PDB file of N, CA and C in Angstrom:
ATOM      1  N   MET A   1       0.839  -1.172   0.000  1.00  0.00           N
ATOM      2  CA  MET A   1       0.000   0.000   0.000  1.00  0.00           C
ATOM      3  C   MET A   1       0.891   1.245   0.000  1.00  0.00           C
ATOM      4  N   GLU A   2       0.744   2.070  -1.019  1.00  0.00           N
ATOM      5  CA  GLU A   2       1.527   3.296  -1.104  1.00  0.00           C
ATOM      6  C   GLU A   2       0.802   4.441  -0.408  1.00  0.00           C
ATOM      7  N   THR A   3       1.581   5.298   0.183  1.00  0.00           N
ATOM      8  CA  THR A   3       0.983   6.492   0.777  1.00  0.00           C
ATOM      9  C   THR A   3       1.060   7.605  -0.249  1.00  0.00           C
ATOM     10  N   GLU A   4      -0.003   8.349  -0.366  1.00  0.00           N
ATOM     11  CA  GLU A   4      -0.036   9.440  -1.329  1.00  0.00           C
ATOM     12  C   GLU A   4       0.530  10.707  -0.693  1.00  0.00           C
ATOM     13  N   LEU A   5       1.285  11.448  -1.460  1.00  0.00           N
ATOM     14  CA  LEU A   5       1.905  12.670  -0.966  1.00  0.00           C
ATOM     15  C   LEU A   5       0.850  13.724  -0.662  1.00  0.00           C
ATOM     16  N   LEU A   6      -0.183  13.783  -1.469  1.00  0.00           N
ATOM     17  CA  LEU A   6      -1.215  14.793  -1.298  1.00  0.00           C
ATOM     18  C   LEU A   6      -2.486  14.227  -0.678  1.00  0.00           C
ATOM     19  N   ALA A   7      -2.329  13.244   0.182  1.00  0.00           N
ATOM     20  CA  ALA A   7      -3.489  12.636   0.833  1.00  0.00           C
ATOM     21  C   ALA A   7      -4.102  13.628   1.818  1.00  0.00           C
ATOM     22  N   THR A   8      -5.354  13.449   2.108  1.00  0.00           N
ATOM     23  CA  THR A   8      -6.053  14.304   3.064  1.00  0.00           C
ATOM     24  C   THR A   8      -5.480  14.071   4.460  1.00  0.00           C
ATOM     25  N   PRO A   9      -5.073  15.150   5.134  1.00  0.00           N
ATOM     26  CA  PRO A   9      -4.505  14.971   6.477  1.00  0.00           C
ATOM     27  C   PRO A   9      -5.581  14.571   7.480  1.00  0.00           C
ATOM     28  N   PRO A  10      -5.181  13.949   8.553  1.00  0.00           N
ATOM     29  CA  PRO A  10      -6.171  13.562   9.568  1.00  0.00           C
ATOM     30  C   PRO A  10      -6.808  14.795  10.218  1.00  0.00           C
ATOM     31  N   ALA A  11      -7.940  14.600  10.825  1.00  0.00           N
ATOM     32  CA  ALA A  11      -8.689  15.703  11.428  1.00  0.00           C
ATOM     33  C   ALA A  11      -7.940  16.357  12.582  1.00  0.00           C
ATOM     34  N   THR A  12      -7.010  15.645  13.185  1.00  0.00           N
ATOM     35  CA  THR A  12      -6.263  16.224  14.307  1.00  0.00           C
ATOM     36  C   THR A  12      -5.390  17.399  13.862  1.00  0.00           C
ATOM     37  N   HIS A  13      -5.061  17.468  12.572  1.00  0.00           N
ATOM     38  CA  HIS A  13      -4.270  18.593  12.065  1.00  0.00           C
ATOM     39  C   HIS A  13      -5.008  19.912  12.276  1.00  0.00           C
ATOM     40  N   VAL A  14      -6.311  19.882  12.201  1.00  0.00           N
ATOM     41  CA  VAL A  14      -7.115  21.093  12.357  1.00  0.00           C
ATOM     42  C   VAL A  14      -6.951  21.654  13.765  1.00  0.00           C
ATOM     43  N   VAL A  15      -6.659  20.779  14.715  1.00  0.00           N
ATOM     44  CA  VAL A  15      -6.513  21.215  16.102  1.00  0.00           C
ATOM     45  C   VAL A  15      -5.067  21.566  16.414  1.00  0.00           C
ATOM     46  N   TYR A  16      -4.124  20.672  16.132  1.00  0.00           N
ATOM     47  CA  TYR A  16      -2.797  20.887  16.663  1.00  0.00           C
ATOM     48  C   TYR A  16      -1.932  21.822  15.830  1.00  0.00           C
ATOM     49  N   ILE A  17      -2.178  21.984  14.541  1.00  0.00           N
ATOM     50  CA  ILE A  17      -1.380  22.934  13.765  1.00  0.00           C
ATOM     51  C   ILE A  17      -1.650  24.374  14.215  1.00  0.00           C
ATOM     52  N   PRO A  18      -2.897  24.840  14.334  1.00  0.00           N
ATOM     53  CA  PRO A  18      -3.102  26.195  14.880  1.00  0.00           C
ATOM     54  C   PRO A  18      -2.590  26.340  16.307  1.00  0.00           C
ATOM     55  N   PHE A  19      -2.667  25.289  17.112  1.00  0.00           N
ATOM     56  CA  PHE A  19      -2.162  25.340  18.480  1.00  0.00           C
ATOM     57  C   PHE A  19      -0.655  25.547  18.487  1.00  0.00           C
ATOM     58  N   VAL A  20       0.063  24.830  17.640  1.00  0.00           N
ATOM     59  CA  VAL A  20       1.519  24.973  17.556  1.00  0.00           C
ATOM     60  C   VAL A  20       1.874  26.377  17.053  1.00  0.00           C
ATOM     61  N   ILE A  21       1.133  26.892  16.089  1.00  0.00           N
ATOM     62  CA  ILE A  21       1.382  28.248  15.591  1.00  0.00           C
ATOM     63  C   ILE A  21       1.146  29.271  16.698  1.00  0.00           C
ATOM     64  N   LEU A  22       0.073  29.107  17.458  1.00  0.00           N
ATOM     65  CA  LEU A  22      -0.224  30.025  18.559  1.00  0.00           C
ATOM     66  C   LEU A  22       0.872  29.994  19.613  1.00  0.00           C
ATOM     67  N   ILE A  23       1.347  28.816  19.960  1.00  0.00           N
ATOM     68  CA  ILE A  23       2.434  28.695  20.937  1.00  0.00           C
ATOM     69  C   ILE A  23       3.683  29.392  20.406  1.00  0.00           C
ATOM     70  N   GLY A  24       3.965  29.241  19.110  1.00  0.00           N
ATOM     71  CA  GLY A  24       5.117  29.915  18.514  1.00  0.00           C
ATOM     72  C   GLY A  24       4.996  31.426  18.562  1.00  0.00           C
ATOM     73  N   VAL A  25       3.804  31.945  18.333  1.00  0.00           N
ATOM     74  CA  VAL A  25       3.581  33.394  18.394  1.00  0.00           C
ATOM     75  C   VAL A  25       3.795  33.896  19.815  1.00  0.00           C
ATOM     76  N   VAL A  26       3.273  33.182  20.790  1.00  0.00           N
ATOM     77  CA  VAL A  26       3.422  33.591  22.185  1.00  0.00           C
ATOM     78  C   VAL A  26       4.895  33.560  22.596  1.00  0.00           C
ATOM     79  N   ILE A  27       5.597  32.491  22.258  1.00  0.00           N
ATOM     80  CA  ILE A  27       7.015  32.391  22.608  1.00  0.00           C
ATOM     81  C   ILE A  27       7.813  33.479  21.896  1.00  0.00           C
ATOM     82  N   GLY A  28       7.504  33.728  20.634  1.00  0.00           N
ATOM     83  CA  GLY A  28       8.194  34.787  19.901  1.00  0.00           C
ATOM     84  C   GLY A  28       7.938  36.155  20.500  1.00  0.00           C
ATOM     85  N   PHE A  29       6.724  36.416  20.949  1.00  0.00           N
ATOM     86  CA  PHE A  29       6.416  37.696  21.584  1.00  0.00           C
ATOM     87  C   PHE A  29       7.189  37.856  22.880  1.00  0.00           C
ATOM     88  N   VAL A  30       7.229  36.800  23.683  1.00  0.00           N
ATOM     89  CA  VAL A  30       7.931  36.872  24.971  1.00  0.00           C
ATOM     90  C   VAL A  30       9.422  37.083  24.751  1.00  0.00           C
ATOM     91  N   ILE A  31      10.020  36.328  23.842  1.00  0.00           N
ATOM     92  CA  ILE A  31      11.455  36.481  23.569  1.00  0.00           C
ATOM     93  C   ILE A  31      11.737  37.848  22.971  1.00  0.00           C
ATOM     94  N   GLY A  32      10.879  38.302  22.067  1.00  0.00           N
ATOM     95  CA  GLY A  32      11.064  39.617  21.467  1.00  0.00           C
ATOM     96  C   GLY A  32      10.911  40.735  22.474  1.00  0.00           C
ATOM     97  N   ARG A  33       9.993  40.576  23.397  1.00  0.00           N
ATOM     98  CA  ARG A  33       9.794  41.596  24.427  1.00  0.00           C
ATOM     99  C   ARG A  33      11.002  41.666  25.337  1.00  0.00           C
ATOM    100  N   LYS A  34      11.547  40.504  25.705  1.00  0.00           N
ATOM    101  CA  LYS A  34      12.744  40.493  26.555  1.00  0.00           C
ATOM    102  C   LYS A  34      13.917  41.150  25.832  1.00  0.00           C
ATOM    103  N   ALA A  35      14.051  40.879  24.549  1.00  0.00           N
ATOM    104  CA  ALA A  35      15.132  41.502  23.780  1.00  0.00           C
ATOM    105  C   ALA A  35      14.909  43.006  23.668  1.00  0.00           C
ATOM    106  N   GLY A  36      13.667  43.427  23.500  1.00  0.00           N
ATOM    107  CA  GLY A  36      13.359  44.852  23.430  1.00  0.00           C
ATOM    108  C   GLY A  36      13.627  45.559  24.741  1.00  0.00           C
ATOM    109  N   LEU A  37      13.306  44.896  25.850  1.00  0.00           N
ATOM    110  CA  LEU A  37      13.594  45.478  27.156  1.00  0.00           C
ATOM    111  C   LEU A  37      15.101  45.621  27.353  1.00  0.00           C
ATOM    112  N   LYS A  38      15.835  44.615  26.902  1.00  0.00           N
ATOM    113  CA  LYS A  38      17.297  44.639  27.051  1.00  0.00           C
ATOM    114  C   LYS A  38      17.904  45.778  26.236  1.00  0.00           C
ATOM    115  N   GLU A  39      17.351  46.040  25.063  1.00  0.00           N
ATOM    116  CA  GLU A  39      17.860  47.105  24.196  1.00  0.00           C
ATOM    117  C   GLU A  39      17.242  48.463  24.535  1.00  0.00           C
ATOM    118  N   GLY A  40      16.261  48.470  25.416  1.00  0.00           N
ATOM    119  CA  GLY A  40      15.625  49.724  25.799  1.00  0.00           C
ATOM    120  C   GLY A  40      14.654  50.261  24.768  1.00  0.00           C
ATOM    121  N   LYS A  41      14.097  49.379  23.967  1.00  0.00           N
ATOM    122  CA  LYS A  41      13.205  49.810  22.889  1.00  0.00           C
ATOM    123  C   LYS A  41      11.795  49.262  23.055  1.00  0.00           C
ATOM    124  N   ALA A  42      11.420  48.887  24.254  1.00  0.00           N
ATOM    125  CA  ALA A  42      10.119  48.245  24.441  1.00  0.00           C
ATOM    126  C   ALA A  42       9.169  49.117  25.250  1.00  0.00           C
ATOM    127  N   GLU A  43       9.290  50.431  25.142  1.00  0.00           N
ATOM    128  CA  GLU A  43       8.418  51.308  25.915  1.00  0.00           C
ATOM    129  C   GLU A  43       6.950  51.086  25.554  1.00  0.00           C
ATOM    130  N   TYR A  44       6.677  50.849  24.274  1.00  0.00           N
ATOM    131  CA  TYR A  44       5.300  50.677  23.833  1.00  0.00           C
ATOM    132  C   TYR A  44       4.693  49.375  24.336  1.00  0.00           C
ATOM    133  N   LEU A  45       5.506  48.470  24.848  1.00  0.00           N
ATOM    134  CA  LEU A  45       5.008  47.210  25.376  1.00  0.00           C
ATOM    135  C   LEU A  45       4.843  47.252  26.888  1.00  0.00           C
ATOM    136  N   GLY A  46       5.045  48.416  27.474  1.00  0.00           N
ATOM    137  CA  GLY A  46       4.906  48.534  28.916  1.00  0.00           C
ATOM    138  C   GLY A  46       6.155  48.177  29.674  1.00  0.00           C
ATOM    139  N   GLY A  47       7.280  48.045  28.983  1.00  0.00           N
ATOM    140  CA  GLY A  47       8.506  47.663  29.660  1.00  0.00           C
ATOM    141  C   GLY A  47       9.374  48.833  30.062  1.00  0.00           C
ATOM    142  N   GLY A  48       9.126  50.003  29.504  1.00  0.00           N
ATOM    143  CA  GLY A  48       9.968  51.148  29.812  1.00  0.00           C
ATOM    144  C   GLY A  48       9.411  51.972  30.954  1.00  0.00           C
ATOM    145  N   ASP A  49      10.179  52.976  31.354  1.00  0.00           N
ATOM    146  CA  ASP A  49       9.712  53.891  32.405  1.00  0.00           C
ATOM    147  C   ASP A  49       8.595  54.754  31.878  1.00  0.00           C
ATOM    148  N   ASP A  50       7.665  55.091  32.730  1.00  0.00           N
ATOM    149  CA  ASP A  50       6.534  55.907  32.335  1.00  0.00           C
ATOM    150  C   ASP A  50       6.886  57.383  32.549  1.00  0.00           C
ATOM    151  N   ASP A  51       7.276  58.089  31.486  1.00  0.00           N
ATOM    152  CA  ASP A  51       7.675  59.482  31.568  1.00  0.00           C
ATOM    153  C   ASP A  51       6.542  60.428  31.229  1.00  0.00           C
ATOM    154  N   ASP A  52       5.340  59.911  31.009  1.00  0.00           N
ATOM    155  CA  ASP A  52       4.224  60.775  30.620  1.00  0.00           C
ATOM    156  C   ASP A  52       3.825  61.735  31.736  1.00  0.00           C
ATOM    157  N   ASP A  53       4.076  61.357  33.002  1.00  0.00           N
ATOM    158  CA  ASP A  53       3.689  62.197  34.128  1.00  0.00           C
ATOM    159  C   ASP A  53       4.576  63.429  34.250  1.00  0.00           C
ATOM    160  N   LEU A  54       5.750  63.393  33.651  1.00  0.00           N
ATOM    161  CA  LEU A  54       6.693  64.497  33.804  1.00  0.00           C
ATOM    162  C   LEU A  54       6.405  65.673  32.902  1.00  0.00           C
ATOM    163  N   LEU A  55       5.584  65.488  31.884  1.00  0.00           N
ATOM    164  CA  LEU A  55       5.321  66.577  30.938  1.00  0.00           C
ATOM    165  C   LEU A  55       4.245  67.512  31.406  1.00  0.00           C
TER     166      LEU A  55
END
């Protein structure tokens, strides 16, 4: 029995592929935010000092 390259994927793909993508987005956001905080460029993410009160 040969497996077809373009066979219909199982129904579980509908669940776990978006889940894996979502986990990747969350991990990428967290790592990117930490890198932005380290470089001092993450003020818009709530990581910088709040200087709005001084104006």
